[in-house]
Amino acid sequence: MNTITKLYGDLEITTPSDTELRFCRPFKAPAQLVFDAHTKPELVRRWLLGPDGWTMPVCEIDLRVGGTFRYVWKKAERTMGMGGTYLEIEAPNKIVHTELFDEDWTGGQTTCKLMLEEKDGRTEMTLIVAYPSKEARDGAMATGMADGMEGSYERLDSIVAA
């Protein structure tokens, strides 16, 4: 069963399987610019912040197959960190990587597949996140993470539009 949730803004979420979430969103920018915004620390720090008030004091990216990344967010006295390993990179159209939060609220390591398809100077982003179980997928969705994601994507929209 494929359920669709349309959130404020342009983020659409579907459940293509019992263990996956698919996030789709358009951006008014070429694929290379959207790819760069996902892979260059100076750009990632400007938009991948979730709800207002968070900063990203750590953003390390070794963009190569087998390379790793590390993000740490901070808001007041709270910190949240995560990292992963790049499994596949096809610039500017595809990145596959693992992901694990320090405080594992997602039920284990996930595998994320980011795909960017450009048409007429616009890019359709599809992000598929595979969780270790249906319970992990449903638990992640219940956290309200989609609101934080859309807030981040709205920031990304502003950056790539400028």
C-alpha atoms as a PDB file:
ATOM      1  CA  MET A   1       0.000   0.000   0.000  1.00  0.00           C
ATOM      2  CA  ASN A   2       1.369   3.388  -1.021  1.00  0.00           C
ATOM      3  CA  THR A   3       0.224   6.222   1.217  1.00  0.00           C
ATOM      4  CA  ILE A   4       0.947   9.831   0.322  1.00  0.00           C
ATOM      5  CA  THR A   5       1.221  12.702   2.757  1.00  0.00           C
ATOM      6  CA  LYS A   6       1.465  16.202   1.334  1.00  0.00           C
ATOM      7  CA  LEU A   7       3.102  18.525   3.819  1.00  0.00           C
ATOM      8  CA  TYR A   8       3.162  22.305   3.762  1.00  0.00           C
ATOM      9  CA  GLY A   9       5.537  23.349   1.077  1.00  0.00           C
ATOM     10  CA  ASP A  10       6.410  20.913  -1.668  1.00  0.00           C
ATOM     11  CA  LEU A  11       7.605  17.839   0.232  1.00  0.00           C
ATOM     12  CA  GLU A  12       5.696  14.652  -0.594  1.00  0.00           C
ATOM     13  CA  ILE A  13       6.211  11.473   1.424  1.00  0.00           C
ATOM     14  CA  THR A  14       5.247   7.972   0.334  1.00  0.00           C
ATOM     15  CA  THR A  15       5.772   4.517   1.816  1.00  0.00           C
ATOM     16  CA  PRO A  16       6.855   2.323  -1.122  1.00  0.00           C
ATOM     17  CA  SER A  17       7.478  -0.678   1.167  1.00  0.00           C
ATOM     18  CA  ASP A  18       7.141  -1.694   4.814  1.00  0.00           C
ATOM     19  CA  THR A  19      10.659  -0.474   5.560  1.00  0.00           C
ATOM     20  CA  GLU A  20      11.075   2.566   3.284  1.00  0.00           C
ATOM     21  CA  LEU A  21      10.109   6.203   3.145  1.00  0.00           C
ATOM     22  CA  ARG A  22      10.295   8.109  -0.148  1.00  0.00           C
ATOM     23  CA  PHE A  23      10.614  11.891  -0.028  1.00  0.00           C
ATOM     24  CA  CYS A  24      10.063  13.828  -3.271  1.00  0.00           C
ATOM     25  CA  ARG A  25      10.506  17.555  -3.751  1.00  0.00           C
ATOM     26  CA  PRO A  26      11.188  19.903  -6.668  1.00  0.00           C
ATOM     27  CA  PHE A  27      13.803  22.663  -6.625  1.00  0.00           C
ATOM     28  CA  LYS A  28      14.032  25.605  -9.016  1.00  0.00           C
ATOM     29  CA  ALA A  29      17.697  24.983  -9.756  1.00  0.00           C
ATOM     30  CA  PRO A  30      19.923  22.763 -11.892  1.00  0.00           C
ATOM     31  CA  ALA A  31      20.881  19.327 -10.550  1.00  0.00           C
ATOM     32  CA  GLN A  32      24.555  20.295 -10.120  1.00  0.00           C
ATOM     33  CA  LEU A  33      23.629  23.120  -7.750  1.00  0.00           C
ATOM     34  CA  VAL A  34      21.320  20.869  -5.698  1.00  0.00           C
ATOM     35  CA  PHE A  35      24.042  18.181  -5.652  1.00  0.00           C
ATOM     36  CA  ASP A  36      26.617  20.742  -4.462  1.00  0.00           C
ATOM     37  CA  ALA A  37      24.236  21.866  -1.715  1.00  0.00           C
ATOM     38  CA  HIS A  38      24.188  18.263  -0.449  1.00  0.00           C
ATOM     39  CA  THR A  39      27.952  17.690  -0.686  1.00  0.00           C
ATOM     40  CA  LYS A  40      29.826  20.919   0.105  1.00  0.00           C
ATOM     41  CA  PRO A  41      30.128  21.675   3.840  1.00  0.00           C
ATOM     42  CA  GLU A  42      29.885  25.449   3.336  1.00  0.00           C
ATOM     43  CA  LEU A  43      26.465  24.954   1.704  1.00  0.00           C
ATOM     44  CA  VAL A  44      25.205  22.056   3.861  1.00  0.00           C
ATOM     45  CA  ARG A  45      25.726  24.165   7.012  1.00  0.00           C
ATOM     46  CA  ARG A  46      23.439  26.860   5.601  1.00  0.00           C
ATOM     47  CA  TRP A  47      20.363  24.719   5.034  1.00  0.00           C
ATOM     48  CA  LEU A  48      20.458  21.272   6.719  1.00  0.00           C
ATOM     49  CA  LEU A  49      19.353  22.601  10.100  1.00  0.00           C
ATOM     50  CA  GLY A  50      15.841  21.278  10.721  1.00  0.00           C
ATOM     51  CA  PRO A  51      13.600  23.536  12.817  1.00  0.00           C
ATOM     52  CA  ASP A  52      14.630  27.137  13.497  1.00  0.00           C
ATOM     53  CA  GLY A  53      17.219  27.699  16.192  1.00  0.00           C
ATOM     54  CA  TRP A  54      19.604  24.851  15.326  1.00  0.00           C
ATOM     55  CA  THR A  55      23.188  25.306  14.110  1.00  0.00           C
ATOM     56  CA  MET A  56      25.676  22.831  12.629  1.00  0.00           C
ATOM     57  CA  PRO A  57      29.064  23.272  14.326  1.00  0.00           C
ATOM     58  CA  VAL A  58      30.428  20.048  12.771  1.00  0.00           C
ATOM     59  CA  CYS A  59      30.035  19.288   9.057  1.00  0.00           C
ATOM     60  CA  GLU A  60      32.706  16.972   7.674  1.00  0.00           C
ATOM     61  CA  ILE A  61      32.344  15.424   4.219  1.00  0.00           C
ATOM     62  CA  ASP A  62      34.803  13.072   2.489  1.00  0.00           C
ATOM     63  CA  LEU A  63      32.884  12.716  -0.773  1.00  0.00           C
ATOM     64  CA  ARG A  64      34.183   9.494  -2.297  1.00  0.00           C
ATOM     65  CA  VAL A  65      33.009   5.893  -2.287  1.00  0.00           C
ATOM     66  CA  GLY A  66      34.125   4.581   1.098  1.00  0.00           C
ATOM     67  CA  GLY A  67      34.460   8.127   2.430  1.00  0.00           C
ATOM     68  CA  THR A  68      32.506   9.243   5.467  1.00  0.00           C
ATOM     69  CA  PHE A  69      30.515  12.215   6.643  1.00  0.00           C
ATOM     70  CA  ARG A  70      29.780  13.582  10.106  1.00  0.00           C
ATOM     71  CA  TYR A  71      27.188  16.171  11.134  1.00  0.00           C
ATOM     72  CA  VAL A  72      26.571  17.571  14.601  1.00  0.00           C
ATOM     73  CA  TRP A  73      23.684  19.947  15.274  1.00  0.00           C
ATOM     74  CA  LYS A  74      23.321  22.172  18.325  1.00  0.00           C
ATOM     75  CA  LYS A  75      20.463  24.121  19.870  1.00  0.00           C
ATOM     76  CA  ALA A  76      21.035  25.725  23.274  1.00  0.00           C
ATOM     77  CA  GLU A  77      22.438  22.899  25.458  1.00  0.00           C
ATOM     78  CA  ARG A  78      21.232  20.069  23.210  1.00  0.00           C
ATOM     79  CA  THR A  79      23.409  18.372  20.592  1.00  0.00           C
ATOM     80  CA  MET A  80      22.529  15.717  18.024  1.00  0.00           C
ATOM     81  CA  GLY A  81      25.062  13.937  15.845  1.00  0.00           C
ATOM     82  CA  MET A  82      25.087  11.444  13.016  1.00  0.00           C
ATOM     83  CA  GLY A  83      27.346  10.063  10.363  1.00  0.00           C
ATOM     84  CA  GLY A  84      27.672   7.529   7.627  1.00  0.00           C
ATOM     85  CA  THR A  85      29.642   6.121   4.729  1.00  0.00           C
ATOM     86  CA  TYR A  86      29.262   6.845   1.010  1.00  0.00           C
ATOM     87  CA  LEU A  87      28.461   3.689  -0.970  1.00  0.00           C
ATOM     88  CA  GLU A  88      27.826   5.140  -4.432  1.00  0.00           C
ATOM     89  CA  ILE A  89      28.340   8.581  -6.022  1.00  0.00           C
ATOM     90  CA  GLU A  90      27.297   9.598  -9.527  1.00  0.00           C
ATOM     91  CA  ALA A  91      27.624  13.397  -9.644  1.00  0.00           C
ATOM     92  CA  PRO A  92      25.336  15.244 -10.086  1.00  0.00           C
ATOM     93  CA  ASN A  93      22.525  12.699 -10.081  1.00  0.00           C
ATOM     94  CA  LYS A  94      22.919  10.136  -7.319  1.00  0.00           C
ATOM     95  CA  ILE A  95      24.361   9.537  -3.865  1.00  0.00           C
ATOM     96  CA  VAL A  96      23.873   6.376  -1.795  1.00  0.00           C
ATOM     97  CA  HIS A  97      25.105   6.343   1.793  1.00  0.00           C
ATOM     98  CA  THR A  98      24.533   4.777   5.191  1.00  0.00           C
ATOM     99  CA  GLU A  99      23.352   6.882   8.114  1.00  0.00           C
ATOM    100  CA  LEU A 100      23.325   6.344  11.873  1.00  0.00           C
ATOM    101  CA  PHE A 101      22.426   8.831  14.600  1.00  0.00           C
ATOM    102  CA  ASP A 102      24.537   8.922  17.786  1.00  0.00           C
ATOM    103  CA  GLU A 103      21.342   8.605  19.831  1.00  0.00           C
ATOM    104  CA  ASP A 104      19.738   5.982  17.652  1.00  0.00           C
ATOM    105  CA  TRP A 105      16.144   7.175  17.354  1.00  0.00           C
ATOM    106  CA  THR A 106      15.679   5.523  13.948  1.00  0.00           C
ATOM    107  CA  GLY A 107      16.024   1.892  15.055  1.00  0.00           C
ATOM    108  CA  GLY A 108      19.446   1.241  13.547  1.00  0.00           C
ATOM    109  CA  GLN A 109      21.465   2.174  10.524  1.00  0.00           C
ATOM    110  CA  THR A 110      19.546   3.338   7.470  1.00  0.00           C
ATOM    111  CA  THR A 111      20.547   3.378   3.828  1.00  0.00           C
ATOM    112  CA  CYS A 112      19.720   6.590   1.947  1.00  0.00           C
ATOM    113  CA  LYS A 113      19.501   6.924  -1.812  1.00  0.00           C
ATOM    114  CA  LEU A 114      19.361  10.508  -3.125  1.00  0.00           C
ATOM    115  CA  MET A 115      18.459  10.914  -6.788  1.00  0.00           C
ATOM    116  CA  LEU A 116      18.342  14.203  -8.689  1.00  0.00           C
ATOM    117  CA  GLU A 117      16.664  14.510 -12.077  1.00  0.00           C
ATOM    118  CA  GLU A 118      16.932  17.789 -13.973  1.00  0.00           C
ATOM    119  CA  LYS A 119      14.357  18.991 -16.506  1.00  0.00           C
ATOM    120  CA  ASP A 120      14.346  22.500 -17.951  1.00  0.00           C
ATOM    121  CA  GLY A 121      16.599  23.921 -15.240  1.00  0.00           C
ATOM    122  CA  ARG A 122      14.488  22.451 -12.417  1.00  0.00           C
ATOM    123  CA  THR A 123      15.471  19.447 -10.345  1.00  0.00           C
ATOM    124  CA  GLU A 124      13.213  16.767  -8.920  1.00  0.00           C
ATOM    125  CA  MET A 125      14.771  15.293  -5.794  1.00  0.00           C
ATOM    126  CA  THR A 126      13.850  11.791  -4.657  1.00  0.00           C
ATOM    127  CA  LEU A 127      15.262  10.512  -1.379  1.00  0.00           C
ATOM    128  CA  ILE A 128      14.561   6.904  -0.405  1.00  0.00           C
ATOM    129  CA  VAL A 129      15.435   5.956   3.175  1.00  0.00           C
ATOM    130  CA  ALA A 130      15.488   2.226   3.968  1.00  0.00           C
ATOM    131  CA  TYR A 131      15.071   1.366   7.660  1.00  0.00           C
ATOM    132  CA  PRO A 132      15.962  -1.934   9.344  1.00  0.00           C
ATOM    133  CA  SER A 133      12.282  -2.676  10.125  1.00  0.00           C
ATOM    134  CA  LYS A 134       8.713  -1.435   9.686  1.00  0.00           C
ATOM    135  CA  GLU A 135       8.707  -0.414  13.362  1.00  0.00           C
ATOM    136  CA  ALA A 136      11.841   1.681  12.831  1.00  0.00           C
ATOM    137  CA  ARG A 137      10.321   3.351   9.749  1.00  0.00           C
ATOM    138  CA  ASP A 138       7.057   4.112  11.531  1.00  0.00           C
ATOM    139  CA  GLY A 139       8.911   5.330  14.625  1.00  0.00           C
ATOM    140  CA  ALA A 140      11.045   7.711  12.584  1.00  0.00           C
ATOM    141  CA  MET A 141       7.978   9.089  10.817  1.00  0.00           C
ATOM    142  CA  ALA A 142       6.194   9.599  14.156  1.00  0.00           C
ATOM    143  CA  THR A 143       8.966  11.923  15.386  1.00  0.00           C
ATOM    144  CA  GLY A 144       7.757  14.797  13.226  1.00  0.00           C
ATOM    145  CA  MET A 145      11.004  14.685  11.229  1.00  0.00           C
ATOM    146  CA  ALA A 146       9.102  15.656   8.078  1.00  0.00           C
ATOM    147  CA  ASP A 147       8.453  19.136   9.499  1.00  0.00           C
ATOM    148  CA  GLY A 148      12.164  19.630  10.119  1.00  0.00           C
ATOM    149  CA  MET A 149      13.011  18.273   6.678  1.00  0.00           C
ATOM    150  CA  GLU A 150      10.639  20.658   4.924  1.00  0.00           C
ATOM    151  CA  GLY A 151      12.023  23.581   6.946  1.00  0.00           C
ATOM    152  CA  SER A 152      15.502  22.619   5.763  1.00  0.00           C
ATOM    153  CA  TYR A 153      14.354  22.184   2.160  1.00  0.00           C
ATOM    154  CA  GLU A 154      12.708  25.622   2.230  1.00  0.00           C
ATOM    155  CA  ARG A 155      16.111  27.043   3.251  1.00  0.00           C
ATOM    156  CA  LEU A 156      17.748  25.060   0.436  1.00  0.00           C
ATOM    157  CA  ASP A 157      15.197  26.494  -2.002  1.00  0.00           C
ATOM    158  CA  SER A 158      16.238  30.011  -0.964  1.00  0.00           C
ATOM    159  CA  ILE A 159      19.949  29.215  -1.349  1.00  0.00           C
ATOM    160  CA  VAL A 160      19.678  27.652  -4.810  1.00  0.00           C
ATOM    161  CA  ALA A 161      17.324  30.396  -6.008  1.00  0.00           C
ATOM    162  CA  ALA A 162      19.857  33.097  -5.098  1.00  0.00           C
END
